[in-house]
Amino acid sequence: MPLYEYYCPTCKLKFEALADLADHDKPAECPNCSNEAPRVISPTTFILKGNGWGRDCYSSGPDKSCKRGANKKDVEKAIKGK
């Protein structure tokens, strides 16, 4: 079961709760005041770091004009299609 984040507008408590996939849109009961708390969208912790992704044109698709280890100028040319 996935872990979802909820926010109670009554007591301003932000909390996490496990919920079934079928119940992902249903509000949860606040553990503090027992009122309904809607689910909130949490910011992600996913970050692209290092020399990959944009530097080696991994995101540029099937176009082979951008080579591994390309510099910023090469990446910009590949994105513009020139």
Protein backbone atom coordinates (compact mmCIF):
# COMPACT_ATOMS: atom_id res chain seq x y z
CA MET A 1 0.00 0.00 0.00
CA PRO A 2 1.33 3.45 -0.88
CA LEU A 3 2.03 6.14 1.68
CA TYR A 4 0.10 9.38 1.06
CA GLU A 5 0.41 12.80 2.65
CA TYR A 6 -2.67 14.57 4.04
CA TYR A 7 -3.36 18.04 5.44
CA CYS A 8 -6.11 18.79 7.94
CA PRO A 9 -7.54 22.29 7.32
CA THR A 10 -9.17 22.32 10.77
CA CYS A 11 -6.12 21.81 13.01
CA LYS A 12 -3.42 22.50 10.34
CA LEU A 13 -1.77 19.11 10.88
CA LYS A 14 0.19 17.55 8.02
CA PHE A 15 0.47 13.78 8.32
CA GLU A 16 1.14 10.61 6.34
CA ALA A 17 -1.07 7.55 6.12
CA LEU A 18 -1.12 4.27 4.22
CA ALA A 19 -4.07 3.93 1.86
CA ASP A 20 -5.25 1.33 -0.61
CA LEU A 21 -4.79 2.24 -4.28
CA ALA A 22 -8.56 2.20 -4.75
CA ASP A 23 -8.92 4.79 -1.97
CA HIS A 24 -6.27 7.23 -3.19
CA ASP A 25 -8.78 10.11 -3.70
CA LYS A 26 -10.65 9.62 -0.44
CA PRO A 27 -9.81 11.91 2.47
CA ALA A 28 -8.23 10.42 5.58
CA GLU A 29 -9.27 10.92 9.17
CA CYS A 30 -7.03 13.37 11.00
CA PRO A 31 -5.32 11.65 13.96
CA ASN A 32 -5.43 14.90 15.93
CA CYS A 33 -9.04 16.13 15.58
CA SER A 34 -10.78 13.27 13.66
CA ASN A 35 -11.98 15.58 10.86
CA GLU A 36 -11.57 14.77 7.17
CA ALA A 37 -8.18 15.66 5.73
CA PRO A 38 -7.70 15.79 1.94
CA ARG A 39 -4.63 14.33 0.29
CA VAL A 40 -1.91 16.77 -0.77
CA ILE A 41 0.71 16.43 -3.48
CA SER A 42 4.17 16.24 -1.95
CA PRO A 43 7.29 17.69 -3.59
CA THR A 44 9.58 15.06 -4.99
CA THR A 45 13.10 14.36 -3.81
CA PHE A 46 14.19 13.14 -7.25
CA ILE A 47 17.15 15.19 -8.53
CA LEU A 48 19.26 14.64 -11.64
CA LYS A 49 22.92 15.18 -10.71
CA GLY A 50 26.30 14.57 -12.21
CA ASN A 51 27.56 14.36 -15.76
CA GLY A 52 24.63 12.40 -17.16
CA TRP A 53 21.25 13.32 -18.61
CA GLY A 54 21.74 16.71 -20.30
CA ARG A 55 25.50 16.50 -20.58
CA ASP A 56 25.47 13.29 -22.59
CA CYS A 57 22.21 14.05 -24.46
CA TYR A 58 20.42 11.10 -22.91
CA SER A 59 17.20 13.09 -23.10
CA SER A 60 17.62 14.08 -26.75
CA GLY A 61 15.93 10.95 -28.10
CA PRO A 62 17.03 8.72 -30.94
CA ASP A 63 19.05 11.45 -32.68
CA LYS A 64 22.68 10.24 -32.72
CA SER A 65 24.20 13.67 -33.45
CA CYS A 66 24.95 14.23 -29.77
CA LYS A 67 27.78 12.08 -28.45
CA ARG A 68 28.54 10.96 -24.92
CA GLY A 69 30.50 13.56 -22.98
CA ALA A 70 29.31 16.39 -25.21
CA ASN A 71 29.83 19.94 -24.01
CA LYS A 72 27.10 22.52 -23.46
CA LYS A 73 27.40 23.96 -26.99
CA ASP A 74 26.95 20.50 -28.55
CA VAL A 75 23.90 19.83 -26.38
CA GLU A 76 22.29 23.13 -27.37
CA LYS A 77 22.92 22.38 -31.07
CA ALA A 78 21.36 18.93 -30.73
CA ILE A 79 18.28 20.32 -29.00
CA LYS A 80 17.78 23.01 -31.66
CA GLY A 81 18.22 20.42 -34.41
CA LYS A 82 21.09 22.20 -36.15
